[in-house]
Amino acid sequence: MSLFVDSHCHLDRFEDPPGVLAAAARADVVTVAVTELPSRFQLLRTQLRGDRVRVALGFHPLAVPGDVAHELSLFARLLARTDYVGEVGLDYSQHSRDSARRQRDVFERILALPAIGAKVLTVHSRRAEKETVELLAAAEVTAILHWYSGPLGPIDRALDHLHDDERNPRSRSRSARRCDMTGAAPRASLESAVSPLRRRGTPQPDDQASREKPAKVPMADTGVVVLAIALAIIFMIALGWLALVSRNN
């Protein structure tokens, strides 16, 4: 059994998906390869083989303005071929707000599919956290909130109704740090969330995270620093006393 599962990786955005997968497999990592459209899912399944990969069937909210009818029909036909669904969800950020109604329609139709309850979903929720969580809770699905960085309010409902809450190691948002302190840690999962290549062979963060303003890395808590210094001083005094006792004996 593998020790690690990369629960959200855009393998199809690498120049050599099989090569990247092989490297992950050598590190004993099982990769969930998310896709953005059902047509891309078909292509990626032909490229990736082995027991260290799970290709997820996706319909990314930012891809909704495309040929919705064809892709939705394809989604329904392909759902039986995988246990994983992603990346799906809602994105109500400024550049995609105009398609909000169509996004919700697509997401609701995906959640209404009879077989969806047996799948594991990885879900996008940028600027649409409350609505996304409500839809997932109503559908009673097993879901991972991909790179959640929204307000804290919906996360309590998410932890009540969902099975998982994902934290990317690169996330530094205040909301993510505070959520980690609410007891979400036992439900945490790992993701690489790599996506487009800005330079040849160099993975970059997923769109949802790369558009977030970089946050400052928090300084260590003052009380912890003082305690550490005090313990170090006590330890040095104890060593000196032991050395003195040894010399007198």
Protein backbone atom coordinates (compact mmCIF):
# COMPACT_ATOMS: atom_id res chain seq x y z
CA MET A 1 0.00 0.00 0.00
CA SER A 2 1.30 3.46 -0.93
CA LEU A 3 2.05 5.88 1.88
CA PHE A 4 1.01 8.98 -0.10
CA VAL A 5 -1.81 9.90 -2.47
CA ASP A 6 -1.54 13.03 -4.59
CA SER A 7 -5.27 13.79 -4.65
CA HIS A 8 -5.17 16.53 -7.30
CA CYS A 9 -2.62 16.67 -10.09
CA HIS A 10 -3.03 18.11 -13.62
CA LEU A 11 -0.86 15.49 -15.28
CA ASP A 12 -2.27 16.33 -18.70
CA ARG A 13 -0.60 19.74 -18.53
CA PHE A 14 2.88 18.27 -18.40
CA GLU A 15 4.82 17.73 -21.60
CA ASP A 16 5.45 14.11 -20.61
CA PRO A 17 2.57 12.81 -18.43
CA PRO A 18 3.77 9.17 -18.46
CA GLY A 19 7.27 10.26 -17.41
CA VAL A 20 5.94 12.38 -14.53
CA LEU A 21 3.69 9.52 -13.44
CA ALA A 22 6.61 7.08 -13.51
CA ALA A 23 8.64 9.40 -11.27
CA ALA A 24 5.74 9.62 -8.82
CA ALA A 25 5.33 5.84 -8.85
CA ARG A 26 9.03 5.38 -8.03
CA ALA A 27 8.44 7.59 -4.99
CA ASP A 28 5.55 5.29 -4.03
CA VAL A 29 2.92 7.98 -4.68
CA VAL A 30 -0.52 7.18 -6.07
CA THR A 31 -1.65 10.04 -8.33
CA VAL A 32 -5.21 11.17 -8.94
CA ALA A 33 -4.94 12.79 -12.38
CA VAL A 34 -7.73 15.35 -12.66
CA THR A 35 -9.02 16.57 -16.01
CA GLU A 36 -10.92 19.65 -17.13
CA LEU A 37 -13.24 18.13 -19.73
CA PRO A 38 -14.61 14.65 -20.44
CA SER A 39 -12.89 14.69 -23.84
CA ARG A 40 -9.54 15.24 -22.09
CA PHE A 41 -10.34 12.39 -19.70
CA GLN A 42 -10.67 10.05 -22.70
CA LEU A 43 -7.28 11.11 -24.04
CA LEU A 44 -5.46 10.89 -20.71
CA ARG A 45 -6.80 7.39 -19.98
CA THR A 46 -5.13 6.16 -23.16
CA GLN A 47 -1.79 7.66 -22.07
CA LEU A 48 -1.64 6.59 -18.44
CA ARG A 49 -1.55 2.99 -17.22
CA GLY A 50 -0.63 1.26 -13.99
CA ASP A 51 -1.74 0.78 -10.41
CA ARG A 52 -0.26 4.11 -9.27
CA VAL A 53 -2.69 6.35 -11.17
CA ARG A 54 -6.40 7.11 -11.02
CA VAL A 55 -7.69 9.28 -13.86
CA ALA A 56 -10.56 11.53 -12.71
CA LEU A 57 -13.42 12.58 -14.98
CA GLY A 58 -13.66 16.37 -14.89
CA PHE A 59 -15.68 19.35 -16.08
CA HIS A 60 -13.85 22.44 -14.80
CA PRO A 61 -16.10 25.47 -14.16
CA LEU A 62 -13.81 27.67 -16.26
CA ALA A 63 -14.39 25.30 -19.20
CA VAL A 64 -18.19 25.63 -19.03
CA PRO A 65 -18.50 28.34 -21.73
CA GLY A 66 -17.51 25.69 -24.31
CA ASP A 67 -19.67 22.97 -25.88
CA VAL A 68 -21.68 22.18 -22.74
CA ALA A 69 -24.24 19.82 -24.26
CA HIS A 70 -21.70 17.55 -25.95
CA GLU A 71 -19.35 17.43 -22.95
CA LEU A 72 -22.18 16.76 -20.48
CA SER A 73 -23.44 13.89 -22.60
CA LEU A 74 -19.91 12.53 -22.77
CA PHE A 75 -19.52 12.96 -19.00
CA ALA A 76 -22.60 10.83 -18.32
CA ARG A 77 -21.38 8.08 -20.65
CA LEU A 78 -17.86 7.98 -19.20
CA LEU A 79 -18.75 8.14 -15.51
CA ALA A 80 -18.88 4.35 -15.16
CA ARG A 81 -15.21 4.10 -16.23
CA THR A 82 -13.75 5.76 -13.14
CA ASP A 83 -14.18 6.02 -9.38
CA TYR A 84 -12.93 9.61 -9.31
CA VAL A 85 -14.53 12.85 -10.52
CA GLY A 86 -12.62 16.11 -10.86
CA GLU A 87 -12.03 18.79 -11.34
CA VAL A 88 -15.62 20.00 -11.04
CA GLY A 89 -17.35 22.79 -9.12
CA LEU A 90 -18.00 26.53 -9.26
CA ASP A 91 -15.87 29.62 -9.88
CA TYR A 92 -17.48 33.01 -9.26
CA SER A 93 -14.29 35.06 -9.44
CA GLN A 94 -14.33 38.27 -11.45
CA HIS A 95 -13.17 36.85 -14.77
CA SER A 96 -15.73 34.00 -14.74
CA ARG A 97 -18.74 35.61 -13.08
CA ASP A 98 -20.61 35.96 -16.38
CA SER A 99 -20.85 32.18 -16.70
CA ALA A 100 -22.03 31.61 -13.11
CA ARG A 101 -25.53 30.46 -14.05
CA ARG A 102 -24.23 27.98 -16.63
CA GLN A 103 -21.61 26.72 -14.18
CA ARG A 104 -24.25 26.00 -11.57
CA ASP A 105 -26.46 24.27 -14.12
CA VAL A 106 -23.59 21.99 -15.19
CA PHE A 107 -22.55 21.27 -11.59
CA GLU A 108 -26.13 20.46 -10.55
CA ARG A 109 -26.56 18.12 -13.51
CA ILE A 110 -23.33 16.33 -12.62
CA LEU A 111 -24.39 15.95 -8.97
CA ALA A 112 -27.77 14.64 -10.10
CA LEU A 113 -26.28 11.70 -12.01
CA PRO A 114 -27.38 8.46 -10.28
CA ALA A 115 -23.87 7.01 -10.08
CA ILE A 116 -22.22 10.13 -8.64
CA GLY A 117 -22.78 9.01 -5.05
CA ALA A 118 -20.31 6.16 -5.47
CA LYS A 119 -17.50 8.44 -6.67
CA VAL A 120 -14.87 10.56 -4.93
CA LEU A 121 -15.05 14.19 -6.09
CA THR A 122 -12.32 16.83 -6.09
CA VAL A 123 -14.10 20.18 -6.13
CA HIS A 124 -13.22 23.75 -7.14
CA SER A 125 -15.02 26.46 -5.12
CA ARG A 126 -13.29 29.81 -5.62
CA ARG A 127 -15.52 32.76 -4.59
CA ALA A 128 -18.45 30.31 -4.50
CA GLU A 129 -17.70 28.44 -1.28
CA LYS A 130 -21.13 28.68 0.37
CA GLU A 131 -23.04 27.63 -2.73
CA THR A 132 -20.62 24.82 -3.52
CA VAL A 133 -20.81 23.35 -0.01
CA GLU A 134 -24.60 23.55 0.01
CA LEU A 135 -24.85 21.68 -3.31
CA LEU A 136 -22.41 19.00 -2.15
CA ALA A 137 -24.21 18.55 1.16
CA ALA A 138 -27.57 18.20 -0.59
CA ALA A 139 -26.13 15.60 -2.97
CA GLU A 140 -24.52 13.67 -0.06
CA VAL A 141 -21.35 12.90 -1.99
CA THR A 142 -17.80 12.10 -0.92
CA ALA A 143 -15.84 15.25 -1.78
CA ILE A 144 -12.47 16.93 -1.41
CA LEU A 145 -12.49 20.74 -1.43
CA HIS A 146 -9.56 21.47 -3.70
CA TRP A 147 -7.26 24.24 -2.42
CA TYR A 148 -9.95 25.79 -0.22
CA SER A 149 -8.97 29.37 0.64
CA GLY A 150 -12.33 31.04 1.23
CA PRO A 151 -14.04 32.33 4.39
CA LEU A 152 -14.31 30.19 7.50
CA GLY A 153 -18.11 30.13 7.70
CA PRO A 154 -18.80 27.47 5.03
CA ILE A 155 -15.98 25.24 6.26
CA ASP A 156 -17.88 24.30 9.42
CA ARG A 157 -20.75 23.12 7.27
CA ALA A 158 -18.28 21.33 5.01
CA LEU A 159 -16.78 19.44 7.92
CA ASP A 160 -20.25 18.49 9.10
CA HIS A 161 -21.40 17.15 5.74
CA LEU A 162 -18.38 16.27 3.64
CA HIS A 163 -15.91 13.47 4.09
CA ASP A 164 -12.76 15.41 3.33
CA ASP A 165 -11.20 18.85 3.36
CA GLU A 166 -8.05 19.34 1.42
CA ARG A 167 -5.06 21.51 2.22
CA ASN A 168 -2.32 22.07 -0.32
CA PRO A 169 1.13 22.35 1.35
CA ARG A 170 1.78 25.56 -0.62
CA SER A 171 -1.35 27.27 0.71
CA ARG A 172 -0.48 30.18 3.00
CA SER A 173 -3.84 31.94 3.24
CA ARG A 174 -5.04 33.05 6.66
CA SER A 175 -8.26 31.10 6.20
CA ALA A 176 -6.41 27.89 5.40
CA ARG A 177 -4.13 28.25 8.45
CA ARG A 178 -7.05 28.93 10.78
CA CYS A 179 -9.09 26.06 9.36
CA ASP A 180 -6.19 23.70 10.04
CA MET A 181 -6.58 24.60 13.72
CA THR A 182 -10.29 23.73 13.89
CA GLY A 183 -9.73 19.99 13.84
CA ALA A 184 -9.61 19.55 10.07
CA ALA A 185 -6.11 18.05 10.19
CA PRO A 186 -7.26 14.41 10.56
CA ARG A 187 -9.28 14.91 7.38
CA ALA A 188 -6.48 16.52 5.40
CA SER A 189 -5.22 15.14 2.10
CA LEU A 190 -2.22 16.00 -0.04
CA GLU A 191 -2.15 17.55 -3.48
CA SER A 192 0.46 18.88 -5.88
CA ALA A 193 -2.09 20.86 -7.94
CA VAL A 194 0.50 21.57 -10.62
CA SER A 195 -0.74 22.99 -13.89
CA PRO A 196 0.45 25.11 -16.85
CA LEU A 197 4.15 25.23 -17.70
CA ARG A 198 5.57 28.76 -17.72
CA ARG A 199 9.03 27.41 -18.46
CA ARG A 200 9.89 24.17 -20.14
CA GLY A 201 9.48 21.32 -17.66
CA THR A 202 8.62 23.56 -14.70
CA PRO A 203 5.20 22.96 -13.10
CA GLN A 204 3.32 25.99 -11.78
CA PRO A 205 0.54 26.24 -9.19
CA ASP A 206 -3.03 25.57 -10.16
CA ASP A 207 -5.02 28.52 -11.54
CA GLN A 208 -7.10 28.82 -8.39
CA ALA A 209 -4.02 29.34 -6.23
CA SER A 210 -1.82 31.24 -8.70
CA ARG A 211 -4.34 34.08 -8.88
CA GLU A 212 -4.39 34.49 -5.13
CA LYS A 213 -2.27 37.34 -3.77
CA PRO A 214 0.85 35.92 -2.10
CA ALA A 215 0.56 36.08 1.64
CA LYS A 216 3.38 36.70 4.07
CA VAL A 217 4.70 33.64 5.86
CA PRO A 218 3.81 34.13 9.54
CA MET A 219 6.59 34.70 12.07
CA ALA A 220 6.99 32.17 14.86
CA ASP A 221 4.87 32.82 17.93
CA THR A 222 6.78 34.98 20.47
CA GLY A 223 5.81 32.76 23.41
CA VAL A 224 7.19 29.69 21.65
CA VAL A 225 10.49 31.46 20.94
CA VAL A 226 10.87 32.58 24.56
CA LEU A 227 10.13 29.07 25.83
CA ALA A 228 12.67 27.57 23.44
CA ILE A 229 15.38 30.00 24.59
CA ALA A 230 14.59 29.30 28.26
CA LEU A 231 14.80 25.54 27.72
CA ALA A 232 18.12 25.94 25.91
CA ILE A 233 19.55 27.96 28.81
CA ILE A 234 18.35 25.39 31.37
CA PHE A 235 19.87 22.59 29.28
CA MET A 236 23.24 24.37 29.12
CA ILE A 237 23.21 25.01 32.89
CA ALA A 238 22.44 21.34 33.51
CA LEU A 239 25.33 20.26 31.26
CA GLY A 240 27.69 22.59 33.12
CA TRP A 241 26.58 21.23 36.49
CA LEU A 242 27.04 17.63 35.34
CA ALA A 243 30.53 18.44 34.06
CA LEU A 244 31.44 20.04 37.40
CA VAL A 245 30.16 17.04 39.38
CA SER A 246 32.12 14.64 37.16
CA ARG A 247 35.31 16.66 37.65
CA ASN A 248 34.97 16.70 41.50
CA ASN A 249 34.42 12.93 41.53
